Each structure stands twice: as C-alpha cells, then as structure tokens.
PDB file of N, CA and C in Angstrom:
ATOM      1  N   PHE A   1     -16.033  10.695  -1.449  1.00  0.00           N
ATOM      2  CA  PHE A   1     -15.455  11.880  -0.725  1.00  0.00           C
ATOM      3  C   PHE A   1     -13.992  11.384  -0.244  1.00  0.00           C
ATOM      4  N   PRO A   2     -13.464  12.703  -0.282  1.00  0.00           N
ATOM      5  CA  PRO A   2     -11.855  12.434   0.131  1.00  0.00           C
ATOM      6  C   PRO A   2     -11.777  12.319   1.614  1.00  0.00           C
ATOM      7  N   VAL A   3     -10.606  11.513   1.921  1.00  0.00           N
ATOM      8  CA  VAL A   3     -10.327  11.174   3.269  1.00  0.00           C
ATOM      9  C   VAL A   3      -9.173  12.027   3.870  1.00  0.00           C
ATOM     10  N   THR A   4      -9.172  12.873   4.941  1.00  0.00           N
ATOM     11  CA  THR A   4      -8.273  13.569   5.263  1.00  0.00           C
ATOM     12  C   THR A   4      -6.991  12.691   5.773  1.00  0.00           C
ATOM     13  N   ILE A   5      -5.814  13.272   5.748  1.00  0.00           N
ATOM     14  CA  ILE A   5      -4.571  12.531   6.142  1.00  0.00           C
ATOM     15  C   ILE A   5      -3.986  13.322   7.243  1.00  0.00           C
ATOM     16  N   PRO A   6      -4.002  12.715   8.379  1.00  0.00           N
ATOM     17  CA  PRO A   6      -3.162  13.386   9.496  1.00  0.00           C
ATOM     18  C   PRO A   6      -1.478  13.527   9.374  1.00  0.00           C
ATOM     19  N   GLY A   7      -1.188  12.686   8.538  1.00  0.00           N
ATOM     20  CA  GLY A   7       0.310  12.601   8.243  1.00  0.00           C
ATOM     21  C   GLY A   7       0.722  11.468   7.438  1.00  0.00           C
ATOM     22  N   GLY A   8       2.037  11.112   7.388  1.00  0.00           N
ATOM     23  CA  GLY A   8       2.519  10.144   6.618  1.00  0.00           C
ATOM     24  C   GLY A   8       3.833  10.143   6.233  1.00  0.00           C
ATOM     25  N   ASP A   9       4.474   9.385   5.255  1.00  0.00           N
ATOM     26  CA  ASP A   9       5.964   9.644   4.684  1.00  0.00           C
ATOM     27  C   ASP A   9       5.604   9.326   3.278  1.00  0.00           C
ATOM     28  N   THR A  10       6.869   9.089   2.683  1.00  0.00           N
ATOM     29  CA  THR A  10       6.932   8.912   1.208  1.00  0.00           C
ATOM     30  C   THR A  10       6.561   7.437   0.749  1.00  0.00           C
ATOM     31  N   ALA A  11       6.301   6.581   1.725  1.00  0.00           N
ATOM     32  CA  ALA A  11       5.993   5.215   1.612  1.00  0.00           C
ATOM     33  C   ALA A  11       4.378   4.886   1.852  1.00  0.00           C
ATOM     34  N   GLY A  12       3.850   5.986   2.278  1.00  0.00           N
ATOM     35  CA  GLY A  12       2.296   5.941   2.748  1.00  0.00           C
ATOM     36  C   GLY A  12       1.853   6.817   3.368  1.00  0.00           C
ATOM     37  N   PHE A  13       0.634   6.745   4.034  1.00  0.00           N
ATOM     38  CA  PHE A  13      -0.175   7.789   4.770  1.00  0.00           C
ATOM     39  C   PHE A  13      -0.901   7.128   5.770  1.00  0.00           C
ATOM     40  N   ASN A  14      -1.221   7.901   6.854  1.00  0.00           N
ATOM     41  CA  ASN A  14      -2.073   7.538   7.929  1.00  0.00           C
ATOM     42  C   ASN A  14      -3.456   7.905   7.719  1.00  0.00           C
ATOM     43  N   VAL A  15      -4.444   7.335   8.065  1.00  0.00           N
ATOM     44  CA  VAL A  15      -5.802   7.763   8.158  1.00  0.00           C
ATOM     45  C   VAL A  15      -6.664   7.481   9.418  1.00  0.00           C
ATOM     46  N   GLY A  16      -7.620   8.138   9.642  1.00  0.00           N
ATOM     47  CA  GLY A  16      -8.329   7.853  10.857  1.00  0.00           C
ATOM     48  C   GLY A  16      -8.888   6.429  11.082  1.00  0.00           C
ATOM     49  N   LEU A  17      -8.949   5.875  12.289  1.00  0.00           N
ATOM     50  CA  LEU A  17      -9.459   4.620  12.452  1.00  0.00           C
ATOM     51  C   LEU A  17     -10.749   4.335  11.787  1.00  0.00           C
ATOM     52  N   SER A  18     -11.688   5.302  11.738  1.00  0.00           N
ATOM     53  CA  SER A  18     -12.926   5.099  11.044  1.00  0.00           C
ATOM     54  C   SER A  18     -12.917   4.924   9.545  1.00  0.00           C
ATOM     55  N   ASP A  19     -11.652   5.294   8.975  1.00  0.00           N
ATOM     56  CA  ASP A  19     -11.636   5.470   7.406  1.00  0.00           C
ATOM     57  C   ASP A  19     -10.838   4.122   7.014  1.00  0.00           C
ATOM     58  N   VAL A  20     -10.172   3.566   7.862  1.00  0.00           N
ATOM     59  CA  VAL A  20      -9.260   2.339   7.546  1.00  0.00           C
ATOM     60  C   VAL A  20     -10.094   1.149   6.773  1.00  0.00           C
ATOM     61  N   ALA A  21     -11.221   1.006   6.888  1.00  0.00           N
ATOM     62  CA  ALA A  21     -12.113  -0.029   6.269  1.00  0.00           C
ATOM     63  C   ALA A  21     -12.323   0.380   4.871  1.00  0.00           C
ATOM     64  N   LYS A  22     -12.202   1.609   4.496  1.00  0.00           N
ATOM     65  CA  LYS A  22     -12.580   2.261   3.127  1.00  0.00           C
ATOM     66  C   LYS A  22     -11.468   1.717   2.111  1.00  0.00           C
ATOM     67  N   PHE A  23     -10.296   1.342   2.538  1.00  0.00           N
ATOM     68  CA  PHE A  23      -9.258   0.847   1.766  1.00  0.00           C
ATOM     69  C   PHE A  23      -8.918  -0.542   1.490  1.00  0.00           C
ATOM     70  N   PHE A  24      -8.624  -0.887   0.271  1.00  0.00           N
ATOM     71  CA  PHE A  24      -8.331  -2.208  -0.129  1.00  0.00           C
ATOM     72  C   PHE A  24      -7.019  -2.364  -0.854  1.00  0.00           C
ATOM     73  N   VAL A  25      -6.487  -3.519  -0.594  1.00  0.00           N
ATOM     74  CA  VAL A  25      -4.945  -3.751  -1.130  1.00  0.00           C
ATOM     75  C   VAL A  25      -5.269  -3.986  -2.728  1.00  0.00           C
ATOM     76  N   GLY A  26      -4.402  -3.280  -3.434  1.00  0.00           N
ATOM     77  CA  GLY A  26      -4.485  -3.388  -4.883  1.00  0.00           C
ATOM     78  C   GLY A  26      -5.216  -2.356  -5.524  1.00  0.00           C
ATOM     79  N   THR A  27      -6.001  -1.692  -4.752  1.00  0.00           N
ATOM     80  CA  THR A  27      -6.764  -0.477  -5.601  1.00  0.00           C
ATOM     81  C   THR A  27      -6.060   0.732  -5.691  1.00  0.00           C
ATOM     82  N   THR A  28      -6.364   1.567  -6.615  1.00  0.00           N
ATOM     83  CA  THR A  28      -5.920   2.813  -6.882  1.00  0.00           C
ATOM     84  C   THR A  28      -6.383   3.876  -5.872  1.00  0.00           C
ATOM     85  N   VAL A  29      -5.338   4.720  -5.575  1.00  0.00           N
ATOM     86  CA  VAL A  29      -5.834   5.986  -4.626  1.00  0.00           C
ATOM     87  C   VAL A  29      -5.038   7.215  -5.236  1.00  0.00           C
ATOM     88  N   ARG A  30      -5.507   8.296  -4.910  1.00  0.00           N
ATOM     89  CA  ARG A  30      -4.848   9.438  -5.328  1.00  0.00           C
ATOM     90  C   ARG A  30      -4.619  10.524  -4.100  1.00  0.00           C
ATOM     91  N   VAL A  31      -3.553  10.817  -3.918  1.00  0.00           N
ATOM     92  CA  VAL A  31      -3.080  11.719  -2.674  1.00  0.00           C
ATOM     93  C   VAL A  31      -2.767  13.127  -3.292  1.00  0.00           C
ATOM     94  N   HIS A  32      -3.211  13.937  -2.698  1.00  0.00           N
ATOM     95  CA  HIS A  32      -3.111  15.398  -3.382  1.00  0.00           C
ATOM     96  C   HIS A  32      -3.497  16.529  -2.150  1.00  0.00           C
ATOM     97  N   ASN A  33      -2.926  17.714  -2.363  1.00  0.00           N
ATOM     98  CA  ASN A  33      -3.285  18.754  -1.427  1.00  0.00           C
ATOM     99  C   ASN A  33      -4.459  19.407  -2.052  1.00  0.00           C
ATOM    100  N   PHE A  34      -4.903  20.467  -1.608  1.00  0.00           N
ATOM    101  CA  PHE A  34      -6.289  21.023  -2.143  1.00  0.00           C
ATOM    102  C   PHE A  34      -6.262  21.743  -3.296  1.00  0.00           C
ATOM    103  N   ASP A  35      -5.237  22.379  -3.665  1.00  0.00           N
ATOM    104  CA  ASP A  35      -4.946  23.099  -5.014  1.00  0.00           C
ATOM    105  C   ASP A  35      -4.306  22.151  -5.939  1.00  0.00           C
ATOM    106  N   TYR A  36      -4.043  20.847  -5.656  1.00  0.00           N
ATOM    107  CA  TYR A  36      -3.579  19.840  -6.676  1.00  0.00           C
ATOM    108  C   TYR A  36      -2.069  20.210  -7.006  1.00  0.00           C
ATOM    109  N   SER A  37      -1.462  21.117  -6.468  1.00  0.00           N
ATOM    110  CA  SER A  37      -0.051  21.342  -6.803  1.00  0.00           C
ATOM    111  C   SER A  37       0.902  20.201  -6.321  1.00  0.00           C
ATOM    112  N   GLU A  38       0.301  19.379  -5.444  1.00  0.00           N
ATOM    113  CA  GLU A  38       1.048  18.049  -5.002  1.00  0.00           C
ATOM    114  C   GLU A  38       0.095  17.230  -5.259  1.00  0.00           C
ATOM    115  N   ASP A  39       0.346  16.225  -6.313  1.00  0.00           N
ATOM    116  CA  ASP A  39      -0.787  15.365  -6.626  1.00  0.00           C
ATOM    117  C   ASP A  39       0.003  13.918  -7.183  1.00  0.00           C
ATOM    118  N   HIS A  40      -0.364  12.826  -6.511  1.00  0.00           N
ATOM    119  CA  HIS A  40       0.106  11.482  -6.939  1.00  0.00           C
ATOM    120  C   HIS A  40      -0.805  10.641  -6.889  1.00  0.00           C
ATOM    121  N   GLU A  41      -0.974   9.557  -7.978  1.00  0.00           N
ATOM    122  CA  GLU A  41      -1.809   8.475  -7.940  1.00  0.00           C
ATOM    123  C   GLU A  41      -0.981   7.218  -7.800  1.00  0.00           C
ATOM    124  N   THR A  42      -1.283   6.338  -7.104  1.00  0.00           N
ATOM    125  CA  THR A  42      -0.630   5.226  -6.780  1.00  0.00           C
ATOM    126  C   THR A  42      -1.648   3.886  -6.450  1.00  0.00           C
ATOM    127  N   LYS A  43      -1.120   2.764  -6.053  1.00  0.00           N
ATOM    128  CA  LYS A  43      -1.910   1.656  -5.459  1.00  0.00           C
ATOM    129  C   LYS A  43      -1.650   1.261  -4.040  1.00  0.00           C
ATOM    130  N   VAL A  44      -2.558   0.813  -3.445  1.00  0.00           N
ATOM    131  CA  VAL A  44      -2.384   0.441  -1.974  1.00  0.00           C
ATOM    132  C   VAL A  44      -1.687  -0.932  -2.013  1.00  0.00           C
ATOM    133  N   LEU A  45      -0.588  -1.022  -1.255  1.00  0.00           N
ATOM    134  CA  LEU A  45       0.386  -2.108  -1.263  1.00  0.00           C
ATOM    135  C   LEU A  45      -0.019  -2.917  -0.038  1.00  0.00           C
ATOM    136  N   SER A  46      -0.177  -2.187   1.013  1.00  0.00           N
ATOM    137  CA  SER A  46      -0.611  -3.003   2.288  1.00  0.00           C
ATOM    138  C   SER A  46      -1.251  -1.920   3.332  1.00  0.00           C
ATOM    139  N   ILE A  47      -2.052  -2.582   4.297  1.00  0.00           N
ATOM    140  CA  ILE A  47      -2.557  -1.887   5.401  1.00  0.00           C
ATOM    141  C   ILE A  47      -2.225  -2.274   6.552  1.00  0.00           C
ATOM    142  N   VAL A  48      -1.417  -1.455   7.515  1.00  0.00           N
ATOM    143  CA  VAL A  48      -1.195  -1.974   8.762  1.00  0.00           C
ATOM    144  C   VAL A  48      -1.487  -1.095   9.707  1.00  0.00           C
ATOM    145  N   GLY A  49      -2.336  -1.345  10.623  1.00  0.00           N
ATOM    146  CA  GLY A  49      -3.148  -0.539  11.462  1.00  0.00           C
ATOM    147  C   GLY A  49      -3.812   0.576  10.669  1.00  0.00           C
ATOM    148  N   GLN A  50      -3.399   1.821  10.999  1.00  0.00           N
ATOM    149  CA  GLN A  50      -4.106   2.898  10.267  1.00  0.00           C
ATOM    150  C   GLN A  50      -3.174   3.525   9.163  1.00  0.00           C
ATOM    151  N   LYS A  51      -1.935   2.730   8.868  1.00  0.00           N
ATOM    152  CA  LYS A  51      -1.155   3.268   7.846  1.00  0.00           C
ATOM    153  C   LYS A  51      -1.423   2.525   6.586  1.00  0.00           C
ATOM    154  N   ILE A  52      -1.537   3.404   5.430  1.00  0.00           N
ATOM    155  CA  ILE A  52      -1.890   2.722   4.269  1.00  0.00           C
ATOM    156  C   ILE A  52      -0.557   2.952   3.507  1.00  0.00           C
ATOM    157  N   ASN A  53       0.130   1.735   3.103  1.00  0.00           N
ATOM    158  CA  ASN A  53       1.350   1.652   2.439  1.00  0.00           C
ATOM    159  C   ASN A  53       1.049   1.574   0.959  1.00  0.00           C
ATOM    160  N   VAL A  54       1.817   2.421   0.234  1.00  0.00           N
ATOM    161  CA  VAL A  54       1.447   2.426  -1.249  1.00  0.00           C
ATOM    162  C   VAL A  54       2.704   1.769  -2.199  1.00  0.00           C
ATOM    163  N   THR A  55       2.474   1.398  -3.227  1.00  0.00           N
ATOM    164  CA  THR A  55       3.307   0.676  -4.204  1.00  0.00           C
ATOM    165  C   THR A  55       4.417   1.641  -4.810  1.00  0.00           C
ATOM    166  N   GLU A  56       4.138   2.765  -5.094  1.00  0.00           N
ATOM    167  CA  GLU A  56       5.116   3.722  -5.545  1.00  0.00           C
ATOM    168  C   GLU A  56       5.385   4.798  -4.516  1.00  0.00           C
ATOM    169  N   THR A  57       6.539   5.387  -4.446  1.00  0.00           N
ATOM    170  CA  THR A  57       7.044   6.326  -3.634  1.00  0.00           C
ATOM    171  C   THR A  57       6.282   7.667  -4.151  1.00  0.00           C
ATOM    172  N   ILE A  58       5.754   8.273  -2.672  1.00  0.00           N
ATOM    173  CA  ILE A  58       5.023   9.489  -3.024  1.00  0.00           C
ATOM    174  C   ILE A  58       6.094  10.687  -3.055  1.00  0.00           C
ATOM    175  N   PRO A  59       6.007  11.463  -4.272  1.00  0.00           N
ATOM    176  CA  PRO A  59       6.959  12.476  -4.211  1.00  0.00           C
ATOM    177  C   PRO A  59       6.963  13.718  -3.330  1.00  0.00           C
ATOM    178  N   PHE A  60       6.114  13.706  -2.265  1.00  0.00           N
ATOM    179  CA  PHE A  60       6.096  14.580  -1.247  1.00  0.00           C
ATOM    180  C   PHE A  60       5.587  13.960   0.106  1.00  0.00           C
ATOM    181  N   THR A  61       5.699  14.578   1.206  1.00  0.00           N
ATOM    182  CA  THR A  61       5.354  13.995   2.335  1.00  0.00           C
ATOM    183  C   THR A  61       3.940  14.425   2.873  1.00  0.00           C
ATOM    184  N   PRO A  62       3.240  13.422   2.872  1.00  0.00           N
ATOM    185  CA  PRO A  62       1.769  13.591   3.110  1.00  0.00           C
ATOM    186  C   PRO A  62       1.600  14.221   4.397  1.00  0.00           C
ATOM    187  N   ASP A  63       0.791  15.431   4.656  1.00  0.00           N
ATOM    188  CA  ASP A  63       0.377  15.866   6.042  1.00  0.00           C
ATOM    189  C   ASP A  63      -1.083  16.239   6.088  1.00  0.00           C
ATOM    190  N   ALA A  64      -1.385  17.043   7.071  1.00  0.00           N
ATOM    191  CA  ALA A  64      -2.790  17.447   7.208  1.00  0.00           C
ATOM    192  C   ALA A  64      -3.294  18.419   5.949  1.00  0.00           C
ATOM    193  N   THR A  65      -2.433  18.873   5.196  1.00  0.00           N
ATOM    194  CA  THR A  65      -3.004  19.624   4.148  1.00  0.00           C
ATOM    195  C   THR A  65      -3.291  18.749   2.972  1.00  0.00           C
ATOM    196  N   HIS A  66      -3.141  17.458   3.165  1.00  0.00           N
ATOM    197  CA  HIS A  66      -3.428  16.663   1.976  1.00  0.00           C
ATOM    198  C   HIS A  66      -4.706  15.720   2.228  1.00  0.00           C
ATOM    199  N   VAL A  67      -5.230  15.076   1.224  1.00  0.00           N
ATOM    200  CA  VAL A  67      -6.471  14.251   1.375  1.00  0.00           C
ATOM    201  C   VAL A  67      -6.050  13.089   0.451  1.00  0.00           C
ATOM    202  N   VAL A  68      -6.867  12.001   0.455  1.00  0.00           N
ATOM    203  CA  VAL A  68      -6.850  10.827  -0.338  1.00  0.00           C
ATOM    204  C   VAL A  68      -8.187  10.774  -1.074  1.00  0.00           C
ATOM    205  N   ASP A  69      -8.325  10.444  -2.411  1.00  0.00           N
ATOM    206  CA  ASP A  69      -9.563  10.147  -2.921  1.00  0.00           C
ATOM    207  C   ASP A  69      -9.335   9.118  -3.982  1.00  0.00           C
ATOM    208  N   LEU A  70     -10.339   8.771  -4.829  1.00  0.00           N
ATOM    209  CA  LEU A  70     -10.412   7.646  -5.666  1.00  0.00           C
ATOM    210  C   LEU A  70     -10.288   6.364  -4.979  1.00  0.00           C
ATOM    211  N   ILE A  71     -11.063   6.451  -3.715  1.00  0.00           N
ATOM    212  CA  ILE A  71     -11.141   5.316  -2.932  1.00  0.00           C
ATOM    213  C   ILE A  71     -12.265   4.387  -3.386  1.00  0.00           C
ATOM    214  N   GLY A  72     -12.184   3.061  -3.274  1.00  0.00           N
ATOM    215  CA  GLY A  72     -13.147   2.206  -3.852  1.00  0.00           C
ATOM    216  C   GLY A  72     -14.421   2.081  -2.952  1.00  0.00           C
ATOM    217  N   PHE A  73     -15.162   1.120  -3.330  1.00  0.00           N
ATOM    218  CA  PHE A  73     -16.432   0.799  -2.674  1.00  0.00           C
ATOM    219  C   PHE A  73     -16.466  -0.866  -2.333  1.00  0.00           C
ATOM    220  N   ALA A  74     -16.779  -0.937  -1.066  1.00  0.00           N
ATOM    221  CA  ALA A  74     -16.733  -2.462  -0.581  1.00  0.00           C
ATOM    222  C   ALA A  74     -17.531  -3.298  -1.448  1.00  0.00           C
ATOM    223  N   GLY A  75     -18.591  -2.812  -2.045  1.00  0.00           N
ATOM    224  CA  GLY A  75     -19.454  -3.717  -2.848  1.00  0.00           C
ATOM    225  C   GLY A  75     -19.035  -3.959  -4.044  1.00  0.00           C
ATOM    226  N   ASP A  76     -18.031  -3.264  -4.577  1.00  0.00           N
ATOM    227  CA  ASP A  76     -17.430  -3.339  -5.792  1.00  0.00           C
ATOM    228  C   ASP A  76     -15.988  -3.846  -5.740  1.00  0.00           C
ATOM    229  N   SER A  77     -15.733  -4.609  -4.821  1.00  0.00           N
ATOM    230  CA  SER A  77     -14.279  -5.179  -4.654  1.00  0.00           C
ATOM    231  C   SER A  77     -13.339  -4.154  -4.574  1.00  0.00           C
ATOM    232  N   GLY A  78     -13.577  -2.934  -4.043  1.00  0.00           N
ATOM    233  CA  GLY A  78     -12.774  -1.864  -3.744  1.00  0.00           C
ATOM    234  C   GLY A  78     -12.411  -0.931  -5.050  1.00  0.00           C
ATOM    235  N   ALA A  79     -13.125  -1.117  -6.234  1.00  0.00           N
ATOM    236  CA  ALA A  79     -12.855  -0.498  -7.297  1.00  0.00           C
ATOM    237  C   ALA A  79     -13.402   0.900  -7.221  1.00  0.00           C
ATOM    238  N   PRO A  80     -12.711   2.002  -7.561  1.00  0.00           N
ATOM    239  CA  PRO A  80     -13.114   3.561  -7.548  1.00  0.00           C
ATOM    240  C   PRO A  80     -13.978   3.822  -8.800  1.00  0.00           C
ATOM    241  N   TYR A  81     -14.838   4.798  -8.695  1.00  0.00           N
ATOM    242  CA  TYR A  81     -15.518   5.399  -9.885  1.00  0.00           C
ATOM    243  C   TYR A  81     -14.900   6.508 -10.066  1.00  0.00           C
ATOM    244  N   LEU A  82     -14.521   6.894 -11.464  1.00  0.00           N
ATOM    245  CA  LEU A  82     -14.058   7.905 -12.013  1.00  0.00           C
ATOM    246  C   LEU A  82     -14.723   8.465 -13.115  1.00  0.00           C
ATOM    247  N   LEU A  83     -15.171   9.674 -13.033  1.00  0.00           N
ATOM    248  CA  LEU A  83     -16.031  10.366 -14.154  1.00  0.00           C
ATOM    249  C   LEU A  83     -15.345  11.125 -15.116  1.00  0.00           C
ATOM    250  N   PHE A  84     -15.286  10.941 -16.348  1.00  0.00           N
ATOM    251  CA  PHE A  84     -14.511  11.819 -17.364  1.00  0.00           C
ATOM    252  C   PHE A  84     -15.328  12.875 -17.776  1.00  0.00           C
TER     253      PHE A  84
END
C-alpha cells in the first residue's frame, strides 16, 4: 500500500512516525503523484528521524499530493514485490 508524504525536498521525503519502520536503506522506492504525471524511482540512502533520504535527486518537490510505494517487507530484507 502506498505511504502518504506530508512533504519533503528533492533529496528525500518525510513520512509519518508509524511509517518509518517500513523503509530500509538500499531498497527501491517510487515517489509519484496520484495521476503519475510526476513519477520517480530511486533508492533509500539513509533514514534520519522521519526523513527518508534518497540516492538520486527527485525531479520535483514531494508534497501532500504525492505518495511513495514499492516499499519492501521486513521479512524479505526490505525487497519490494513488483508484478508485471
């Protein structure tokens, strides 16, 4: 399920306190708005408090209109499942 983003910057995004544990350094995440007109896939570089820093600059500023998905699962070392 996607996680809502209350805000961020081109280096990363913030998530709610209850969502921080869903993220793992080195795993892929996808940040996008609801119609995918802004869409970027990157990897988690670091987690500092509730800020998820990413390895590549996000080409837009994440805000409350964006969500993040492709989030991994703790039982699988943080790897996400992607269906084709």
